[in-house]
C-alpha atoms as a PDB file:
ATOM      1  CA  UNK A   1       1.987 -14.137   3.708  1.00  0.00           C
ATOM      2  CA  UNK A   2      -0.881 -16.545   4.244  1.00  0.00           C
ATOM      3  CA  UNK A   3      -0.663 -20.197   5.433  1.00  0.00           C
ATOM      4  CA  UNK A   4      -2.566 -22.976   3.653  1.00  0.00           C
ATOM      5  CA  UNK A   5      -4.763 -21.294   0.835  1.00  0.00           C
ATOM      6  CA  UNK A   6      -8.152 -21.200   1.774  1.00  0.00           C
ATOM      7  CA  UNK A   7     -10.686 -22.636  -1.297  1.00  0.00           C
ATOM      8  CA  UNK A   8     -13.180 -19.783  -2.468  1.00  0.00           C
ATOM      9  CA  UNK A   9     -15.967 -20.094  -4.032  1.00  0.00           C
ATOM     10  CA  UNK A  10     -16.932 -17.993  -7.052  1.00  0.00           C
ATOM     11  CA  UNK A  11     -19.042 -14.414  -6.328  1.00  0.00           C
ATOM     12  CA  UNK A  12     -22.799 -14.714  -5.532  1.00  0.00           C
ATOM     13  CA  UNK A  13     -24.806 -12.009  -4.685  1.00  0.00           C
ATOM     14  CA  UNK A  14     -26.970 -13.926  -2.489  1.00  0.00           C
ATOM     15  CA  UNK A  15     -24.058 -14.754  -0.101  1.00  0.00           C
ATOM     16  CA  UNK A  16     -24.052 -12.724   3.178  1.00  0.00           C
ATOM     17  CA  UNK A  17     -21.621  -9.879   3.745  1.00  0.00           C
ATOM     18  CA  UNK A  18     -19.663 -11.868   6.039  1.00  0.00           C
ATOM     19  CA  UNK A  19     -18.384 -14.406   3.278  1.00  0.00           C
ATOM     20  CA  UNK A  20     -15.071 -13.739   2.288  1.00  0.00           C
ATOM     21  CA  UNK A  21     -16.181 -13.665  -1.485  1.00  0.00           C
ATOM     22  CA  UNK A  22     -18.228 -10.354  -0.528  1.00  0.00           C
ATOM     23  CA  UNK A  23     -15.136  -8.859   1.119  1.00  0.00           C
ATOM     24  CA  UNK A  24     -13.256  -5.975  -0.698  1.00  0.00           C
ATOM     25  CA  UNK A  25      -9.994  -6.461  -2.337  1.00  0.00           C
ATOM     26  CA  UNK A  26      -7.094  -4.102  -1.805  1.00  0.00           C
ATOM     27  CA  UNK A  27      -3.560  -4.538  -3.918  1.00  0.00           C
ATOM     28  CA  UNK A  28      -0.971  -2.337  -3.253  1.00  0.00           C
ATOM     29  CA  UNK A  29      -1.115  -0.682  -6.554  1.00  0.00           C
ATOM     30  CA  UNK A  30      -4.445   0.899  -5.757  1.00  0.00           C
ATOM     31  CA  UNK A  31      -2.809   3.381  -3.389  1.00  0.00           C
ATOM     32  CA  UNK A  32       0.705   3.793  -5.174  1.00  0.00           C
ATOM     33  CA  UNK A  33       1.337   7.252  -6.142  1.00  0.00           C
ATOM     34  CA  UNK A  34       4.068   6.163  -8.773  1.00  0.00           C
ATOM     35  CA  UNK A  35       1.248   4.108 -10.811  1.00  0.00           C
ATOM     36  CA  UNK A  36      -1.038   5.912 -13.309  1.00  0.00           C
ATOM     37  CA  UNK A  37      -4.764   5.627 -13.195  1.00  0.00           C
ATOM     38  CA  UNK A  38      -4.326   3.179 -16.169  1.00  0.00           C
ATOM     39  CA  UNK A  39      -2.165   0.869 -14.228  1.00  0.00           C
ATOM     40  CA  UNK A  40      -4.215   0.779 -11.430  1.00  0.00           C
ATOM     41  CA  UNK A  41      -4.084   3.582  -8.900  1.00  0.00           C
ATOM     42  CA  UNK A  42      -7.721   4.081  -7.389  1.00  0.00           C
ATOM     43  CA  UNK A  43      -7.458   7.330  -5.529  1.00  0.00           C
ATOM     44  CA  UNK A  44      -6.000  10.631  -6.154  1.00  0.00           C
ATOM     45  CA  UNK A  45      -2.034  10.924  -6.470  1.00  0.00           C
ATOM     46  CA  UNK A  46      -1.746  13.658  -3.392  1.00  0.00           C
ATOM     47  CA  UNK A  47      -3.667  11.000  -1.230  1.00  0.00           C
ATOM     48  CA  UNK A  48      -1.544   8.050  -2.429  1.00  0.00           C
ATOM     49  CA  UNK A  49       1.570   6.629  -0.992  1.00  0.00           C
ATOM     50  CA  UNK A  50       5.031   5.863  -2.749  1.00  0.00           C
ATOM     51  CA  UNK A  51       5.386   1.930  -3.318  1.00  0.00           C
ATOM     52  CA  UNK A  52       3.432   0.680  -0.203  1.00  0.00           C
ATOM     53  CA  UNK A  53       3.545  -2.959   0.718  1.00  0.00           C
ATOM     54  CA  UNK A  54       0.943  -5.522   1.497  1.00  0.00           C
ATOM     55  CA  UNK A  55       2.513  -5.436   5.191  1.00  0.00           C
ATOM     56  CA  UNK A  56       2.438  -2.013   5.484  1.00  0.00           C
ATOM     57  CA  UNK A  57      -1.621  -2.311   4.326  1.00  0.00           C
ATOM     58  CA  UNK A  58      -1.890  -5.026   6.944  1.00  0.00           C
ATOM     59  CA  UNK A  59      -0.393  -3.101   9.762  1.00  0.00           C
ATOM     60  CA  UNK A  60      -2.655   0.108   9.321  1.00  0.00           C
ATOM     61  CA  UNK A  61      -5.727  -2.244   8.871  1.00  0.00           C
ATOM     62  CA  UNK A  62      -5.040  -4.020  12.077  1.00  0.00           C
ATOM     63  CA  UNK A  63      -5.614  -0.695  13.682  1.00  0.00           C
ATOM     64  CA  UNK A  64      -9.132  -0.189  12.451  1.00  0.00           C
ATOM     65  CA  UNK A  65     -11.166  -3.028  13.805  1.00  0.00           C
ATOM     66  CA  UNK A  66     -11.948  -4.386  10.305  1.00  0.00           C
ATOM     67  CA  UNK A  67     -11.480  -8.289   9.668  1.00  0.00           C
ATOM     68  CA  UNK A  68      -8.914  -8.659   6.993  1.00  0.00           C
ATOM     69  CA  UNK A  69      -7.255 -11.622   5.327  1.00  0.00           C
ATOM     70  CA  UNK A  70      -3.845 -11.607   3.485  1.00  0.00           C
ATOM     71  CA  UNK A  71      -3.587 -13.702   0.283  1.00  0.00           C
ATOM     72  CA  UNK A  72      -0.446 -14.538  -2.244  1.00  0.00           C
ATOM     73  CA  UNK A  73      -1.851 -13.015  -5.209  1.00  0.00           C
ATOM     74  CA  UNK A  74      -0.366 -10.824  -7.918  1.00  0.00           C
ATOM     75  CA  UNK A  75      -2.015  -7.726  -9.374  1.00  0.00           C
ATOM     76  CA  UNK A  76      -3.147  -8.779 -13.128  1.00  0.00           C
ATOM     77  CA  UNK A  77      -1.839  -5.201 -14.218  1.00  0.00           C
ATOM     78  CA  UNK A  78       1.525  -5.523 -12.257  1.00  0.00           C
ATOM     79  CA  UNK A  79       4.541  -5.906 -14.821  1.00  0.00           C
ATOM     80  CA  UNK A  80       6.830  -7.088 -12.389  1.00  0.00           C
ATOM     81  CA  UNK A  81       6.621 -10.418 -10.809  1.00  0.00           C
ATOM     82  CA  UNK A  82       8.650  -9.504  -7.901  1.00  0.00           C
ATOM     83  CA  UNK A  83       7.944 -10.772  -4.403  1.00  0.00           C
ATOM     84  CA  UNK A  84       7.645  -7.297  -2.974  1.00  0.00           C
ATOM     85  CA  UNK A  85       4.773  -6.356  -5.656  1.00  0.00           C
ATOM     86  CA  UNK A  86       2.640  -9.272  -4.393  1.00  0.00           C
ATOM     87  CA  UNK A  87      -0.168  -9.479  -2.059  1.00  0.00           C
ATOM     88  CA  UNK A  88      -3.824  -8.975  -1.703  1.00  0.00           C
ATOM     89  CA  UNK A  89      -5.723  -7.970   1.020  1.00  0.00           C
ATOM     90  CA  UNK A  90      -9.329  -8.718   1.625  1.00  0.00           C
ATOM     91  CA  UNK A  91     -11.256  -6.551   3.925  1.00  0.00           C
ATOM     92  CA  UNK A  92     -14.937  -7.082   5.654  1.00  0.00           C
ATOM     93  CA  UNK A  93     -16.414  -3.589   5.501  1.00  0.00           C
ATOM     94  CA  UNK A  94     -20.121  -4.737   6.057  1.00  0.00           C
ATOM     95  CA  UNK A  95     -21.998  -6.824   8.453  1.00  0.00           C
ATOM     96  CA  UNK A  96     -24.312  -9.369   7.240  1.00  0.00           C
ATOM     97  CA  UNK A  97     -27.315  -6.871   7.349  1.00  0.00           C
ATOM     98  CA  UNK A  98     -25.539  -4.530   4.987  1.00  0.00           C
ATOM     99  CA  UNK A  99     -24.314  -1.795   7.615  1.00  0.00           C
ATOM    100  CA  UNK A 100     -20.819  -0.824   7.881  1.00  0.00           C
ATOM    101  CA  UNK A 101     -18.565  -2.634  10.727  1.00  0.00           C
ATOM    102  CA  UNK A 102     -16.927   0.741  11.219  1.00  0.00           C
ATOM    103  CA  UNK A 103     -19.067   3.892  10.813  1.00  0.00           C
ATOM    104  CA  UNK A 104     -15.507   5.587   9.394  1.00  0.00           C
ATOM    105  CA  UNK A 105     -15.186   3.197   6.734  1.00  0.00           C
ATOM    106  CA  UNK A 106     -18.466   2.479   4.912  1.00  0.00           C
ATOM    107  CA  UNK A 107     -17.079   2.141   1.322  1.00  0.00           C
ATOM    108  CA  UNK A 108     -14.042   0.756  -0.416  1.00  0.00           C
ATOM    109  CA  UNK A 109     -12.959   4.255  -1.155  1.00  0.00           C
ATOM    110  CA  UNK A 110     -12.900   5.557   2.475  1.00  0.00           C
ATOM    111  CA  UNK A 111     -10.725   2.518   3.351  1.00  0.00           C
ATOM    112  CA  UNK A 112      -8.045   3.100   0.570  1.00  0.00           C
ATOM    113  CA  UNK A 113      -8.030   7.002   1.706  1.00  0.00           C
ATOM    114  CA  UNK A 114      -7.601   5.954   5.242  1.00  0.00           C
ATOM    115  CA  UNK A 115      -4.651   3.790   4.053  1.00  0.00           C
ATOM    116  CA  UNK A 116      -3.248   6.796   1.899  1.00  0.00           C
ATOM    117  CA  UNK A 117      -3.495   9.089   4.921  1.00  0.00           C
ATOM    118  CA  UNK A 118      -2.221   6.547   7.499  1.00  0.00           C
ATOM    119  CA  UNK A 119       0.646   4.435   5.684  1.00  0.00           C
ATOM    120  CA  UNK A 120       3.272   7.586   5.695  1.00  0.00           C
ATOM    121  CA  UNK A 121       2.535   7.917   9.553  1.00  0.00           C
ATOM    122  CA  UNK A 122       4.206   4.251  10.243  1.00  0.00           C
ATOM    123  CA  UNK A 123       7.591   4.329  11.920  1.00  0.00           C
ATOM    124  CA  UNK A 124       8.921   2.113   9.256  1.00  0.00           C
ATOM    125  CA  UNK A 125       8.230   4.710   6.674  1.00  0.00           C
ATOM    126  CA  UNK A 126       9.543   7.799   8.531  1.00  0.00           C
ATOM    127  CA  UNK A 127      13.010   5.798   9.113  1.00  0.00           C
ATOM    128  CA  UNK A 128      12.939   5.422   5.598  1.00  0.00           C
ATOM    129  CA  UNK A 129      12.530   9.032   4.783  1.00  0.00           C
ATOM    130  CA  UNK A 130      15.279  10.035   7.288  1.00  0.00           C
ATOM    131  CA  UNK A 131      17.586   7.831   5.856  1.00  0.00           C
ATOM    132  CA  UNK A 132      18.196   9.498   2.753  1.00  0.00           C
ATOM    133  CA  UNK A 133      18.232  13.160   4.418  1.00  0.00           C
ATOM    134  CA  UNK A 134      21.225  11.753   6.693  1.00  0.00           C
ATOM    135  CA  UNK A 135      22.950  10.314   3.796  1.00  0.00           C
ATOM    136  CA  UNK A 136      22.649  13.476   1.627  1.00  0.00           C
ATOM    137  CA  UNK A 137      23.930  16.025   4.579  1.00  0.00           C
ATOM    138  CA  UNK A 138      26.849  13.436   5.211  1.00  0.00           C
ATOM    139  CA  UNK A 139      27.702  13.959   1.472  1.00  0.00           C
ATOM    140  CA  UNK A 140      27.795  17.275   1.409  1.00  0.00           C
ATOM    141  CA  UNK A 141      30.109  17.691   4.608  1.00  0.00           C
ATOM    142  CA  UNK A 142      32.686  15.645   3.024  1.00  0.00           C
ATOM    143  CA  UNK A 143      32.670  17.270  -0.395  1.00  0.00           C
ATOM    144  CA  UNK A 144      32.810  20.783   1.176  1.00  0.00           C
ATOM    145  CA  UNK A 145      36.353  19.628   2.723  1.00  0.00           C
ATOM    146  CA  UNK A 146      38.302  18.392  -0.243  1.00  0.00           C
ATOM    147  CA  UNK A 147      39.566  21.406  -2.264  1.00  0.00           C
ATOM    148  CA  UNK A 148      40.516  19.306  -5.778  1.00  0.00           C
ATOM    149  CA  UNK A 149      40.574  21.601  -8.778  1.00  0.00           C
ATOM    150  CA  UNK A 150      38.593  20.096 -11.857  1.00  0.00           C
ATOM    151  CA  UNK A 151      40.134  19.699 -15.164  1.00  0.00           C
ATOM    152  CA  UNK A 152      40.151  22.930 -17.361  1.00  0.00           C
ATOM    153  CA  UNK A 153      37.806  22.367 -20.107  1.00  0.00           C
ATOM    154  CA  UNK A 154      39.166  22.177 -23.918  1.00  0.00           C
ATOM    155  CA  UNK A 155      37.901  24.259 -26.725  1.00  0.00           C
END
């Protein structure tokens, strides 16, 4: 994920928006459609993505022009301690004067909605969706050729 950990100080409202402590945090659970609101989902289910990874979030944010940083952190409400559930992304959405860096993404919610819309369009996601369909069509064609009779039900 990230190289050597960079020490951060506690949040202070007097800090500039360019300081990493003022950047917004995004955990994959925030946009996971499998999670409930209690488990940490922050956007509507129809805008969310099924089991996003920090890598996918990183790939999408790379196209926005926003500065971001990946940290090896675990979401506190996450029950699973697996490596695929790890990852926190910090994103700078405002300049030092408080104006948005990218006018399309002025708030945390606008960034989360953009992620929910863009992650399904990634090539890695599209390949993942095509594989189950190919496996299902292959199993249907093989099951149609065999003509074994089932056992009779006993009464």
